[in-house]
Amino acid sequence: MNRIVALRLLGEIMKWDDERANAEYRWLHLMARLKYDAYNDFMAGARFLEKLVAWLLGLKPAHRSAAYDLVRRHLIYIGSAELERLIDAFYPDTMRPWLAEEVARRRDIDVWRVGIDAGSKAALEDLRRRTLLVGLSEGAHCDRLRRANPGILSNEQIIVSHQVGEEKWMDLVKKLRGDTKDDKALFVRAVLIDDFTASGTSLIRRDNDGSWGGKLYKFLSAVKAEAGPVFEPAWTAGVHHYVATTRALENALVLEAQARRELGATWYNRVDFTYGYEIPVSVMLPNEAGPLKDLIDAYYDPAIETEHNLVAGGSSDMRWGYKECRLPLVLEHNTPNNSVPILWADSPPRSANPVMRALFRRHQRHV
């Protein structure tokens, strides 16, 4: 669709006067060009403006104003440029300060001396190499993390999955010992990295049957399953998300403390949680009675629900997103299921009432 035609059609759909239409056209053209057109699901001839027109046409006239207001006033879009800056900042802003503080603690000196003391500098380099970085999903962007830190982080200390086989574990240890010239060297820390967490339950959770689950628990289980040691007895873990909600950070701290109490010595020695950017509670969409709630309720299709929505006490009702996170968030590579489904869901073929049509279609892991 020609973009000028799309904009004119949008004005007719929304019944804007000339002044309002001109203001909205300028904003839409700017945001489409700078951000929204880059969404990974879009293609030539069907980018943001065309998708927006089709999305609004699928709604009744009474609901279009609330739908446009959701995009215009509430939508948070994190593009590749923002995410790359957060990846680039991980080592200087998060990892290196921890290394310096740990070296200072071990050597009983002030942190500021680590950069000028020859012995401390050598200890920092050794500790850095003995730190394993673990991608929890493709969202960790381990390739970008490597390129952002040439000569600082070794390719042999970054792995792209928390599910590691015995052969890979032994290869990591072998290369660590070769690089450190220490035939007994083991890793002292693992940092688990992912792009986004909204509820914290994919990281650590208590499943409905009472058992512990989540990637943090699974990684520890994988480490313990190995025949030979990979980490020193006093090793610690860090968890870093490039983007995290305040709610997820709070939930993770509560659940980790509970796991520590219940699992005792079989749990991690210590777990630290860090993030690149925090999304505050204030961005959550209001769910009280009003035009937005009417829109959400009118265009919710229960057919999008799956058994995975019920994990860790989740509700099968997804109208406000998984775990009712009520987020208006879109990540350029995919839209999280914690965001309101009216943004990302299509009614499936089996639906008896196919009312949902996605604006930023989500690629589902669980179908």
Protein backbone atom coordinates (compact mmCIF):
# COMPACT_ATOMS: atom_id res chain seq x y z
CA MET A 1 0.00 0.00 0.00
CA ASN A 2 1.30 3.46 -0.89
CA ARG A 3 2.18 5.26 2.35
CA ILE A 4 0.37 8.45 1.39
CA VAL A 5 -2.73 6.40 0.69
CA ALA A 6 -2.29 4.58 4.00
CA LEU A 7 -2.09 7.86 5.91
CA ARG A 8 -5.14 9.29 4.15
CA LEU A 9 -7.09 6.11 4.83
CA LEU A 10 -6.04 6.27 8.47
CA GLY A 11 -7.38 9.81 8.72
CA GLU A 12 -10.71 8.69 7.32
CA ILE A 13 -10.88 5.70 9.65
CA MET A 14 -10.14 7.82 12.72
CA LYS A 15 -12.34 10.75 11.48
CA TRP A 16 -9.63 13.33 12.17
CA ASP A 17 -9.98 16.92 11.07
CA ASP A 18 -7.17 18.40 8.96
CA GLU A 19 -5.24 19.87 11.89
CA ARG A 20 -5.31 16.63 13.89
CA ALA A 21 -4.53 14.56 10.80
CA ASN A 22 -1.45 16.61 9.91
CA ALA A 23 -0.09 16.35 13.46
CA GLU A 24 -0.66 12.60 13.60
CA TYR A 25 0.81 12.03 10.11
CA ARG A 26 4.04 13.74 11.11
CA TRP A 27 4.34 11.63 14.25
CA LEU A 28 3.44 8.36 12.51
CA HIS A 29 5.83 8.96 9.62
CA LEU A 30 8.68 9.76 12.02
CA MET A 31 8.10 6.79 14.33
CA ALA A 32 7.58 4.36 11.45
CA ARG A 33 10.81 5.43 9.78
CA LEU A 34 12.95 5.56 12.93
CA LYS A 35 11.57 2.60 14.85
CA TYR A 36 8.45 0.59 14.09
CA ASP A 37 9.17 -0.37 10.45
CA ALA A 38 12.15 -2.41 11.65
CA TYR A 39 9.98 -4.92 13.55
CA ASN A 40 11.15 -8.36 12.47
CA ASP A 41 7.73 -9.64 11.45
CA PHE A 42 7.13 -6.81 8.99
CA MET A 43 8.01 -7.07 5.31
CA ALA A 44 8.13 -4.84 2.26
CA GLY A 45 4.67 -3.53 1.45
CA ALA A 46 3.32 -4.45 4.86
CA ARG A 47 5.21 -2.42 7.41
CA PHE A 48 3.94 -0.38 10.31
CA LEU A 49 1.54 2.07 8.63
CA GLU A 50 -0.08 -0.62 6.50
CA LYS A 51 -0.39 -2.96 9.50
CA LEU A 52 -1.83 -0.16 11.63
CA VAL A 53 -4.53 0.58 9.06
CA ALA A 54 -5.46 -3.10 8.77
CA TRP A 55 -5.45 -3.49 12.56
CA LEU A 56 -7.76 -0.53 13.11
CA LEU A 57 -10.07 -1.58 10.28
CA GLY A 58 -10.58 -4.87 12.10
CA LEU A 59 -12.05 -3.01 15.08
CA LYS A 60 -15.46 -1.47 15.49
CA PRO A 61 -15.51 2.36 15.16
CA ALA A 62 -16.33 2.71 18.87
CA HIS A 63 -13.04 0.98 19.83
CA ARG A 64 -10.62 2.59 17.38
CA SER A 65 -9.85 5.66 19.46
CA ALA A 66 -8.78 3.53 22.45
CA ALA A 67 -6.69 1.29 20.18
CA TYR A 68 -4.89 4.21 18.58
CA ASP A 69 -4.38 5.77 22.01
CA LEU A 70 -2.71 2.52 23.16
CA VAL A 71 -0.14 2.87 20.38
CA ARG A 72 0.23 6.65 20.53
CA ARG A 73 0.47 7.16 24.30
CA HIS A 74 1.50 3.86 25.88
CA LEU A 75 3.57 1.78 23.46
CA ILE A 76 7.19 1.14 24.47
CA TYR A 77 9.32 -0.06 21.56
CA ILE A 78 12.87 -1.22 22.19
CA GLY A 79 14.74 -1.38 18.90
CA SER A 80 18.06 -2.86 17.90
CA ALA A 81 19.95 0.38 18.56
CA GLU A 82 18.75 0.55 22.18
CA LEU A 83 19.38 -3.15 22.77
CA GLU A 84 22.88 -2.96 21.29
CA ARG A 85 23.76 -0.12 23.65
CA LEU A 86 22.60 -2.24 26.59
CA ILE A 87 24.69 -5.19 25.37
CA ASP A 88 27.74 -2.96 24.90
CA ALA A 89 27.29 -1.57 28.41
CA PHE A 90 27.18 -4.98 30.11
CA TYR A 91 30.92 -5.41 30.61
CA PRO A 92 31.95 -1.85 31.61
CA ASP A 93 28.83 -1.10 33.70
CA THR A 94 28.11 -4.46 35.32
CA MET A 95 30.77 -7.12 34.93
CA ARG A 96 33.93 -5.06 35.43
CA PRO A 97 32.72 -3.31 38.63
CA TRP A 98 31.91 -6.73 40.12
CA LEU A 99 35.36 -8.03 39.15
CA ALA A 100 37.07 -5.00 40.71
CA GLU A 101 35.05 -5.30 43.93
CA GLU A 102 35.76 -9.02 44.18
CA VAL A 103 39.49 -8.55 43.64
CA ALA A 104 39.53 -5.76 46.23
CA ARG A 105 37.70 -8.02 48.70
CA ARG A 106 40.08 -10.92 48.14
CA ARG A 107 43.18 -8.74 48.45
CA ASP A 108 41.75 -6.59 51.26
CA ILE A 109 42.39 -3.29 49.49
CA ASP A 110 40.30 -0.32 48.34
CA VAL A 111 38.53 -0.80 45.01
CA TRP A 112 40.27 2.19 43.47
CA ARG A 113 43.65 0.52 43.96
CA VAL A 114 42.75 -2.39 41.67
CA GLY A 115 43.47 -0.33 38.57
CA ILE A 116 46.92 0.84 39.65
CA ASP A 117 48.31 -2.11 41.59
CA ALA A 118 50.16 -4.59 39.33
CA GLY A 119 49.20 -7.62 41.39
CA SER A 120 45.55 -6.55 41.51
CA LYS A 121 45.44 -5.97 37.75
CA ALA A 122 46.76 -9.48 37.15
CA ALA A 123 44.23 -10.88 39.63
CA LEU A 124 41.42 -9.06 37.84
CA GLU A 125 42.43 -10.51 34.47
CA ASP A 126 42.62 -14.00 35.99
CA LEU A 127 39.21 -13.66 37.65
CA ARG A 128 37.70 -12.33 34.44
CA ARG A 129 38.86 -15.41 32.51
CA ARG A 130 37.47 -17.69 35.24
CA THR A 131 34.01 -16.15 34.80
CA LEU A 132 31.68 -18.06 32.49
CA LEU A 133 29.01 -16.15 30.55
CA VAL A 134 25.91 -18.18 29.73
CA GLY A 135 23.24 -17.15 27.24
CA LEU A 136 19.78 -18.19 28.45
CA SER A 137 18.22 -17.73 25.01
CA GLU A 138 18.94 -16.21 21.62
CA GLY A 139 17.98 -12.92 23.28
CA ALA A 140 21.34 -12.89 25.08
CA HIS A 141 22.92 -11.96 21.74
CA CYS A 142 26.21 -13.69 22.58
CA ASP A 143 27.59 -12.82 19.14
CA ARG A 144 27.17 -9.10 19.80
CA LEU A 145 28.60 -9.53 23.30
CA ARG A 146 31.75 -11.08 21.82
CA ARG A 147 32.16 -8.35 19.21
CA ALA A 148 31.67 -5.62 21.80
CA ASN A 149 34.56 -6.89 23.94
CA PRO A 150 37.43 -7.99 21.66
CA GLY A 151 40.57 -8.83 23.60
CA ILE A 152 38.63 -8.57 26.87
CA LEU A 153 36.28 -11.55 26.85
CA SER A 154 37.43 -14.85 25.37
CA ASN A 155 35.18 -16.73 22.97
CA GLU A 156 35.90 -19.75 25.15
CA GLN A 157 34.14 -18.24 28.16
CA ILE A 158 30.85 -17.44 26.42
CA ILE A 159 28.32 -20.20 25.74
CA VAL A 160 25.00 -19.76 23.98
CA SER A 161 22.86 -22.11 26.10
CA HIS A 162 22.34 -23.05 29.73
CA GLN A 163 21.82 -26.66 28.64
CA VAL A 164 25.36 -27.95 28.18
CA GLY A 165 26.56 -31.50 27.48
CA GLU A 166 29.45 -33.21 29.25
CA GLU A 167 31.79 -32.91 26.26
CA LYS A 168 31.29 -29.14 26.10
CA TRP A 169 31.83 -28.76 29.86
CA MET A 170 35.13 -30.62 29.69
CA ASP A 171 36.22 -28.58 26.66
CA LEU A 172 35.50 -25.32 28.52
CA VAL A 173 37.57 -26.45 31.50
CA LYS A 174 40.42 -27.64 29.26
CA LYS A 175 40.65 -24.29 27.47
CA LEU A 176 40.40 -22.39 30.77
CA ARG A 177 43.39 -24.30 32.10
CA GLY A 178 45.32 -23.67 28.92
CA ASP A 179 44.66 -19.92 29.03
CA THR A 180 45.46 -19.56 32.75
CA LYS A 181 48.46 -21.93 32.66
CA ASP A 182 46.91 -23.65 35.67
CA ASP A 183 46.22 -27.36 35.27
CA LYS A 184 43.76 -27.27 38.19
CA ALA A 185 41.84 -24.14 37.21
CA LEU A 186 38.05 -24.11 37.51
CA PHE A 187 35.47 -21.39 36.93
CA VAL A 188 34.63 -19.21 39.92
CA ARG A 189 31.48 -17.53 38.64
CA ALA A 190 28.73 -17.95 36.06
CA VAL A 191 26.72 -15.02 34.72
CA LEU A 192 23.42 -16.02 33.13
CA ILE A 193 22.34 -13.48 30.51
CA ASP A 194 19.03 -12.82 28.73
CA ASP A 195 17.33 -9.94 27.00
CA PHE A 196 14.13 -9.43 28.97
CA THR A 197 12.18 -10.54 32.02
CA ALA A 198 8.73 -9.27 32.96
CA SER A 199 7.51 -11.67 35.64
CA GLY A 200 10.74 -13.49 36.57
CA THR A 201 9.09 -16.92 36.34
CA SER A 202 11.07 -18.13 33.32
CA LEU A 203 14.17 -17.61 35.45
CA ILE A 204 13.01 -19.11 38.75
CA ARG A 205 9.60 -20.38 39.77
CA ARG A 206 7.67 -22.78 41.94
CA ASP A 207 5.66 -25.02 39.62
CA ASN A 208 2.12 -26.11 40.36
CA ASP A 209 3.30 -29.51 41.63
CA GLY A 210 5.52 -27.83 44.23
CA SER A 211 8.81 -28.50 42.45
CA TRP A 212 11.33 -25.81 41.54
CA GLY A 213 11.79 -24.83 37.92
CA GLY A 214 13.16 -22.11 35.68
CA LYS A 215 16.46 -21.58 33.93
CA LEU A 216 18.37 -20.72 37.10
CA TYR A 217 17.38 -24.04 38.66
CA LYS A 218 18.02 -25.99 35.44
CA PHE A 219 21.51 -24.54 35.04
CA LEU A 220 22.46 -25.60 38.57
CA SER A 221 21.10 -29.08 37.87
CA ALA A 222 23.17 -29.29 34.68
CA VAL A 223 26.33 -28.30 36.55
CA LYS A 224 25.74 -30.88 39.26
CA ALA A 225 25.08 -33.61 36.69
CA GLU A 226 28.63 -33.47 35.34
CA ALA A 227 31.09 -36.24 36.20
CA GLY A 228 33.97 -33.83 36.73
CA PRO A 229 34.12 -30.44 38.48
CA VAL A 230 33.56 -27.31 36.41
CA PHE A 231 33.33 -24.68 39.15
CA GLU A 232 35.24 -24.12 42.37
CA PRO A 233 33.34 -25.16 45.53
CA ALA A 234 32.62 -21.53 46.52
CA TRP A 235 31.48 -20.40 43.06
CA THR A 236 28.77 -17.79 42.69
CA ALA A 237 26.20 -16.89 40.05
CA GLY A 238 25.04 -13.64 38.53
CA VAL A 239 21.88 -13.10 36.51
CA HIS A 240 21.79 -10.19 34.09
CA HIS A 241 18.92 -9.01 31.89
CA TYR A 242 19.37 -6.21 29.41
CA VAL A 243 15.79 -5.12 30.19
CA ALA A 244 13.78 -6.04 33.29
CA THR A 245 10.60 -4.87 34.95
CA THR A 246 10.59 -3.79 38.59
CA ARG A 247 8.06 -6.54 39.23
CA ALA A 248 10.36 -9.24 37.83
CA LEU A 249 13.32 -8.05 39.88
CA GLU A 250 11.26 -8.09 43.07
CA ASN A 251 9.78 -11.52 42.29
CA ALA A 252 13.20 -13.01 41.52
CA LEU A 253 14.62 -11.82 44.84
CA VAL A 254 11.70 -13.29 46.77
CA LEU A 255 11.79 -16.63 44.95
CA GLU A 256 15.57 -16.94 45.17
CA ALA A 257 15.43 -16.36 48.93
CA GLN A 258 12.72 -19.00 49.23
CA ALA A 259 14.75 -21.49 47.19
CA ARG A 260 17.78 -20.79 49.41
CA ARG A 261 15.77 -21.54 52.54
CA GLU A 262 14.25 -24.73 51.17
CA LEU A 263 17.19 -26.16 49.22
CA GLY A 264 19.93 -25.10 51.61
CA ALA A 265 23.42 -26.33 50.72
CA THR A 266 22.19 -27.78 47.43
CA TRP A 267 21.44 -24.26 46.15
CA TYR A 268 23.91 -21.66 44.84
CA ASN A 269 26.41 -20.14 47.27
CA ARG A 270 25.24 -16.69 46.15
CA VAL A 271 23.10 -15.24 43.38
CA ASP A 272 23.26 -11.59 42.27
CA PHE A 273 20.64 -9.95 40.01
CA THR A 274 21.53 -7.06 37.70
CA TYR A 275 19.91 -5.34 34.72
CA GLY A 276 20.74 -2.80 32.04
CA TYR A 277 17.42 -0.95 32.01
CA GLU A 278 14.52 -1.17 34.44
CA ILE A 279 10.90 -0.75 33.33
CA PRO A 280 8.97 0.73 36.26
CA VAL A 281 5.56 -0.36 37.51
CA SER A 282 4.12 2.95 36.32
CA VAL A 283 4.12 1.79 32.67
CA MET A 284 1.63 -1.02 33.38
CA LEU A 285 -1.64 -0.39 31.61
CA PRO A 286 -4.65 0.54 33.77
CA ASN A 287 -7.15 -2.32 34.02
CA GLU A 288 -10.02 -0.47 35.63
CA ALA A 289 -13.25 0.19 33.77
CA GLY A 290 -12.83 2.47 30.79
CA PRO A 291 -12.22 2.55 27.01
CA LEU A 292 -9.01 0.48 27.19
CA LYS A 293 -10.61 -2.28 29.25
CA ASP A 294 -13.60 -2.30 26.90
CA LEU A 295 -11.19 -2.72 23.97
CA ILE A 296 -9.23 -5.53 25.66
CA ASP A 297 -12.40 -7.39 26.64
CA ALA A 298 -14.13 -6.98 23.28
CA TYR A 299 -11.21 -8.40 21.28
CA TYR A 300 -10.00 -11.21 23.48
CA ASP A 301 -10.06 -14.72 22.07
CA PRO A 302 -9.68 -17.55 24.65
CA ALA A 303 -8.41 -19.76 21.82
CA ILE A 304 -4.95 -18.17 22.20
CA GLU A 305 -4.56 -19.76 25.64
CA THR A 306 -2.20 -22.73 26.08
CA GLU A 307 -1.20 -25.03 28.93
CA HIS A 308 2.03 -23.03 29.30
CA ASN A 309 0.02 -20.04 30.59
CA LEU A 310 -0.75 -22.04 33.74
CA VAL A 311 2.90 -22.55 34.77
CA ALA A 312 3.81 -21.25 38.24
CA GLY A 313 0.28 -20.29 39.13
CA GLY A 314 -0.38 -18.32 35.98
CA SER A 315 -3.92 -17.77 34.78
CA SER A 316 -5.26 -19.29 31.59
CA ASP A 317 -6.83 -15.90 30.86
CA MET A 318 -4.25 -13.96 28.87
CA ARG A 319 -6.16 -10.80 28.05
CA TRP A 320 -3.71 -8.65 30.08
CA GLY A 321 -0.66 -10.72 29.13
CA TYR A 322 1.08 -13.62 30.85
CA LYS A 323 0.85 -13.30 34.65
CA GLU A 324 -1.28 -10.19 34.04
CA CYS A 325 1.80 -8.05 33.49
CA ARG A 326 -0.26 -5.48 31.52
CA LEU A 327 2.67 -4.31 29.44
CA PRO A 328 2.49 -2.23 26.23
CA LEU A 329 6.00 -3.41 25.30
CA VAL A 330 7.42 -4.47 21.93
CA LEU A 331 10.98 -5.70 21.38
CA GLU A 332 12.20 -5.38 17.83
CA HIS A 333 12.98 -9.10 17.42
CA ASN A 334 9.71 -10.25 19.06
CA THR A 335 6.86 -9.12 21.30
CA PRO A 336 6.86 -10.74 24.75
CA ASN A 337 3.75 -12.63 25.83
CA ASN A 338 3.66 -10.45 28.97
CA SER A 339 2.45 -7.62 26.73
CA VAL A 340 -1.27 -7.27 26.13
CA PRO A 341 -2.25 -9.80 23.41
CA ILE A 342 -4.26 -7.27 21.43
CA LEU A 343 -0.86 -6.06 20.21
CA TRP A 344 0.63 -9.45 19.28
CA ALA A 345 -1.98 -12.22 18.96
CA ASP A 346 -3.88 -13.60 15.99
CA SER A 347 -6.90 -15.81 16.57
CA PRO A 348 -5.81 -19.36 15.66
CA PRO A 349 -7.58 -21.36 12.92
CA ARG A 350 -9.41 -23.45 15.53
CA SER A 351 -11.07 -20.37 17.04
CA ALA A 352 -14.84 -20.25 17.14
CA ASN A 353 -14.73 -16.47 17.38
CA PRO A 354 -11.68 -15.13 15.48
CA VAL A 355 -11.66 -11.53 16.70
CA MET A 356 -7.91 -10.99 17.22
CA ARG A 357 -5.57 -9.61 14.58
CA ALA A 358 -2.01 -8.71 15.53
CA LEU A 359 -0.30 -5.39 15.00
CA PHE A 360 3.15 -6.64 16.10
CA ARG A 361 2.75 -10.38 15.59
CA ARG A 362 4.55 -12.54 18.15
CA HIS A 363 6.52 -15.63 17.14
CA GLN A 364 5.48 -18.19 19.72
CA ARG A 365 7.90 -20.67 21.33
CA HIS A 366 5.01 -22.80 22.58
CA VAL A 367 2.29 -23.58 20.04
